[in-house]
C-alpha atoms as a PDB file:
ATOM      1  CA  MET A   1      90.368  81.474  86.495  1.00  0.00           C
ATOM      2  CA  LYS A   2      87.617  83.672  88.061  1.00  0.00           C
ATOM      3  CA  LEU A   3      88.030  85.833  91.336  1.00  0.00           C
ATOM      4  CA  LYS A   4      85.306  85.230  94.024  1.00  0.00           C
ATOM      5  CA  PRO A   5      85.375  88.178  96.421  1.00  0.00           C
ATOM      6  CA  LEU A   6      84.733  87.268 100.158  1.00  0.00           C
ATOM      7  CA  ALA A   7      82.474  88.909 102.723  1.00  0.00           C
ATOM      8  CA  ASP A   8      82.003  92.704 101.567  1.00  0.00           C
ATOM      9  CA  ARG A   9      84.786  92.936  99.087  1.00  0.00           C
ATOM     10  CA  VAL A  10      83.922  93.944  95.215  1.00  0.00           C
ATOM     11  CA  VAL A  11      86.136  93.299  92.278  1.00  0.00           C
ATOM     12  CA  LEU A  12      86.221  96.499  90.081  1.00  0.00           C
ATOM     13  CA  LYS A  13      87.755  96.908  86.466  1.00  0.00           C
ATOM     14  CA  GLN A  14      88.733 100.531  85.479  1.00  0.00           C
ATOM     15  CA  THR A  15      86.674 101.999  82.537  1.00  0.00           C
ATOM     16  CA  GLU A  16      88.597 103.148  79.436  1.00  0.00           C
ATOM     17  CA  ALA A  17      90.201 106.590  79.253  1.00  0.00           C
ATOM     18  CA  GLU A  18      88.606 109.180  77.051  1.00  0.00           C
ATOM     19  CA  GLU A  19      90.224 109.393  73.543  1.00  0.00           C
ATOM     20  CA  LYS A  20      88.434 112.646  72.493  1.00  0.00           C
ATOM     21  CA  THR A  21      87.699 115.553  74.547  1.00  0.00           C
ATOM     22  CA  LYS A  22      84.013 117.113  74.508  1.00  0.00           C
ATOM     23  CA  GLY A  23      85.181 119.461  71.866  1.00  0.00           C
ATOM     24  CA  GLY A  24      86.419 116.732  69.456  1.00  0.00           C
ATOM     25  CA  ILE A  25      90.302 117.062  70.208  1.00  0.00           C
ATOM     26  CA  ILE A  26      91.910 113.626  69.792  1.00  0.00           C
ATOM     27  CA  LEU A  27      94.275 112.937  73.087  1.00  0.00           C
ATOM     28  CA  THR A  28      97.374 111.275  72.805  1.00  0.00           C
ATOM     29  CA  SER A  29      97.883 108.263  75.265  1.00  0.00           C
ATOM     30  CA  ALA A  30     100.063 110.270  77.509  1.00  0.00           C
ATOM     31  CA  ALA A  31      97.437 112.897  77.925  1.00  0.00           C
ATOM     32  CA  GLN A  32      94.816 110.801  78.511  1.00  0.00           C
ATOM     33  CA  GLU A  33      93.741 110.531  82.343  1.00  0.00           C
ATOM     34  CA  LYS A  34      92.326 107.543  83.724  1.00  0.00           C
ATOM     35  CA  PRO A  35      88.915 107.922  85.152  1.00  0.00           C
ATOM     36  CA  GLU A  36      87.907 107.236  88.539  1.00  0.00           C
ATOM     37  CA  ILE A  37      84.892 105.176  87.113  1.00  0.00           C
ATOM     38  CA  TYR A  38      84.987 101.543  87.706  1.00  0.00           C
ATOM     39  CA  GLU A  39      82.567  98.794  86.584  1.00  0.00           C
ATOM     40  CA  VAL A  40      81.531  96.373  89.135  1.00  0.00           C
ATOM     41  CA  ILE A  41      82.743  92.830  87.957  1.00  0.00           C
ATOM     42  CA  VAL A  42      81.535  90.574  90.896  1.00  0.00           C
ATOM     43  CA  ALA A  43      80.687  91.665  94.379  1.00  0.00           C
ATOM     44  CA  GLY A  44      80.926  89.423  97.462  1.00  0.00           C
ATOM     45  CA  PRO A  45      77.916  87.969  99.497  1.00  0.00           C
ATOM     46  CA  GLY A  46      78.157  90.528 102.224  1.00  0.00           C
ATOM     47  CA  GLY A  47      77.275  89.002 105.694  1.00  0.00           C
ATOM     48  CA  VAL A  48      78.913  89.933 109.133  1.00  0.00           C
ATOM     49  CA  VAL A  49      82.052  92.058 109.001  1.00  0.00           C
ATOM     50  CA  ASP A  50      83.575  93.284 112.007  1.00  0.00           C
ATOM     51  CA  GLY A  51      80.441  92.254 113.990  1.00  0.00           C
ATOM     52  CA  LYS A  52      77.862  94.211 111.942  1.00  0.00           C
ATOM     53  CA  GLU A  53      75.726  92.967 109.110  1.00  0.00           C
ATOM     54  CA  VAL A  54      76.715  94.269 105.861  1.00  0.00           C
ATOM     55  CA  LYS A  55      74.215  94.171 103.064  1.00  0.00           C
ATOM     56  CA  MET A  56      75.610  94.430  99.415  1.00  0.00           C
ATOM     57  CA  GLU A  57      74.429  97.580  97.596  1.00  0.00           C
ATOM     58  CA  VAL A  58      76.255  97.010  94.341  1.00  0.00           C
ATOM     59  CA  LYS A  59      75.928  94.399  91.808  1.00  0.00           C
ATOM     60  CA  ALA A  60      77.998  93.090  88.643  1.00  0.00           C
ATOM     61  CA  GLY A  61      77.580  95.602  85.664  1.00  0.00           C
ATOM     62  CA  ASP A  62      77.026  98.802  88.326  1.00  0.00           C
ATOM     63  CA  LYS A  63      79.193 101.697  87.358  1.00  0.00           C
ATOM     64  CA  VAL A  64      80.809 103.389  90.493  1.00  0.00           C
ATOM     65  CA  ILE A  65      83.270 105.781  91.775  1.00  0.00           C
ATOM     66  CA  ALA A  66      86.029 104.593  94.010  1.00  0.00           C
ATOM     67  CA  GLY A  67      88.791 106.450  95.506  1.00  0.00           C
ATOM     68  CA  LYS A  68      92.075 106.800  93.651  1.00  0.00           C
ATOM     69  CA  PHE A  69      94.315 104.957  95.888  1.00  0.00           C
ATOM     70  CA  SER A  70      91.758 102.547  97.627  1.00  0.00           C
ATOM     71  CA  GLY A  71      91.787  98.692  97.212  1.00  0.00           C
ATOM     72  CA  THR A  72      94.282  96.175  96.067  1.00  0.00           C
ATOM     73  CA  ARG A  73      95.397  96.023  92.365  1.00  0.00           C
ATOM     74  CA  VAL A  74      95.656  92.432  90.852  1.00  0.00           C
ATOM     75  CA  LYS A  75      96.601  91.350  87.337  1.00  0.00           C
ATOM     76  CA  LEU A  76      94.918  88.144  86.236  1.00  0.00           C
ATOM     77  CA  GLU A  77      95.137  86.829  82.619  1.00  0.00           C
ATOM     78  CA  GLY A  78      96.292  90.121  81.222  1.00  0.00           C
ATOM     79  CA  GLU A  79      93.420  91.974  82.804  1.00  0.00           C
ATOM     80  CA  GLU A  80      93.856  94.499  85.727  1.00  0.00           C
ATOM     81  CA  TYR A  81      91.588  94.582  88.603  1.00  0.00           C
ATOM     82  CA  THR A  82      90.921  96.352  91.637  1.00  0.00           C
ATOM     83  CA  ILE A  83      89.504  94.757  94.791  1.00  0.00           C
ATOM     84  CA  VAL A  84      88.032  97.011  97.445  1.00  0.00           C
ATOM     85  CA  ARG A  85      85.670  96.844 100.332  1.00  0.00           C
ATOM     86  CA  GLN A  86      82.324  97.983  99.777  1.00  0.00           C
ATOM     87  CA  ALA A  87      82.820 100.862 102.026  1.00  0.00           C
ATOM     88  CA  ASP A  88      85.598 102.356  99.732  1.00  0.00           C
ATOM     89  CA  ILE A  89      82.949 102.728  97.042  1.00  0.00           C
ATOM     90  CA  LEU A  90      82.047 106.357  97.115  1.00  0.00           C
ATOM     91  CA  ALA A  91      78.977 106.505  94.663  1.00  0.00           C
ATOM     92  CA  VAL A  92      76.890 104.474  92.068  1.00  0.00           C
ATOM     93  CA  VAL A  93      76.834 106.300  88.620  1.00  0.00           C
ATOM     94  CA  GLU A  94      73.337 106.131  87.305  1.00  0.00           C
END
Protein backbone atom coordinates (compact mmCIF):
# COMPACT_ATOMS: atom_id res chain seq x y z
CA MET A 1 0.00 0.00 0.00
CA LYS A 2 1.30 3.48 -0.90
CA LEU A 3 0.39 6.95 0.30
CA LYS A 4 -0.37 9.46 -2.44
CA PRO A 5 -0.83 12.98 -1.06
CA LEU A 6 -3.30 15.32 -2.72
CA ALA A 7 -2.87 18.99 -3.62
CA ASP A 8 -0.17 20.69 -1.48
CA ARG A 9 0.21 17.90 1.09
CA VAL A 10 3.53 16.20 1.85
CA VAL A 11 4.19 12.80 3.48
CA LEU A 12 7.07 12.98 5.98
CA LYS A 13 8.96 10.39 7.99
CA GLN A 14 10.74 11.46 11.15
CA THR A 15 14.50 10.86 11.19
CA GLU A 16 16.00 8.63 13.86
CA ALA A 17 16.98 10.06 17.25
CA GLU A 18 20.68 10.47 18.00
CA GLU A 19 22.07 7.61 20.06
CA LYS A 20 25.24 9.48 21.06
CA THR A 21 25.95 13.05 22.05
CA LYS A 22 28.65 15.01 20.23
CA GLY A 23 30.89 14.36 23.23
CA GLY A 24 30.48 10.58 22.79
CA ILE A 25 28.02 9.86 25.61
CA ILE A 26 25.62 7.06 24.71
CA LEU A 27 21.99 7.99 25.41
CA THR A 28 19.35 5.59 26.68
CA SER A 29 16.17 5.38 24.64
CA ALA A 30 14.31 7.36 27.34
CA ALA A 31 16.84 10.21 27.07
CA GLN A 32 16.79 10.36 23.28
CA GLU A 33 14.83 13.34 22.05
CA LYS A 34 13.00 12.94 18.75
CA PRO A 35 14.42 15.39 16.23
CA GLU A 36 12.25 17.88 14.41
CA ILE A 37 13.91 16.91 11.13
CA TYR A 38 11.87 14.83 8.71
CA GLU A 39 12.55 13.21 5.36
CA VAL A 40 10.10 13.92 2.54
CA ILE A 41 8.75 10.57 1.35
CA VAL A 42 6.42 11.92 -1.34
CA ALA A 43 4.97 15.33 -2.21
CA GLY A 44 1.61 16.07 -3.77
CA PRO A 45 1.26 17.65 -7.22
CA GLY A 46 0.44 21.17 -6.01
CA GLY A 47 -2.16 23.02 -8.06
CA VAL A 48 -4.90 25.41 -7.00
CA VAL A 49 -5.48 25.42 -3.24
CA ASP A 50 -7.98 27.87 -1.72
CA GLY A 51 -8.06 29.80 -5.00
CA LYS A 52 -4.27 30.27 -5.17
CA GLU A 53 -1.75 28.46 -7.36
CA VAL A 54 0.64 26.39 -5.22
CA LYS A 55 3.99 25.26 -6.64
CA MET A 56 5.64 22.45 -4.71
CA GLU A 57 9.03 23.51 -3.33
CA VAL A 58 9.98 20.14 -1.78
CA LYS A 59 10.57 16.74 -3.33
CA ALA A 60 11.13 13.17 -2.18
CA GLY A 61 14.43 12.79 -0.31
CA ASP A 62 14.59 16.38 0.99
CA LYS A 63 15.30 16.86 4.70
CA VAL A 64 12.94 19.42 6.22
CA ILE A 65 11.98 20.94 9.55
CA ALA A 66 8.29 20.94 10.43
CA GLY A 67 6.39 22.16 13.46
CA LYS A 68 6.38 19.77 16.40
CA PHE A 69 2.60 19.40 16.54
CA SER A 70 1.71 20.06 12.91
CA GLY A 71 0.13 17.58 10.56
CA THR A 72 -1.65 14.27 10.93
CA ARG A 73 0.18 11.18 12.10
CA VAL A 74 -0.66 7.88 10.41
CA LYS A 75 0.69 4.37 10.77
CA LEU A 76 0.88 2.24 7.64
CA GLU A 77 2.43 -1.22 7.45
CA GLY A 78 4.30 -0.69 10.72
CA GLU A 79 5.82 2.67 9.73
CA GLU A 80 4.79 6.03 11.15
CA TYR A 81 4.30 8.98 8.82
CA THR A 82 3.19 12.59 9.21
CA ILE A 83 1.09 14.29 6.53
CA VAL A 84 1.38 18.08 6.45
CA ARG A 85 0.56 20.92 4.09
CA GLN A 86 3.59 22.42 2.40
CA ALA A 87 2.94 25.66 4.34
CA ASP A 88 3.57 23.74 7.61
CA ILE A 89 7.16 23.03 6.55
CA LEU A 90 9.37 25.64 8.15
CA ALA A 91 12.69 25.04 6.33
CA VAL A 92 14.65 22.72 4.07
CA VAL A 93 17.88 21.38 5.61
CA GLU A 94 20.77 21.62 3.14
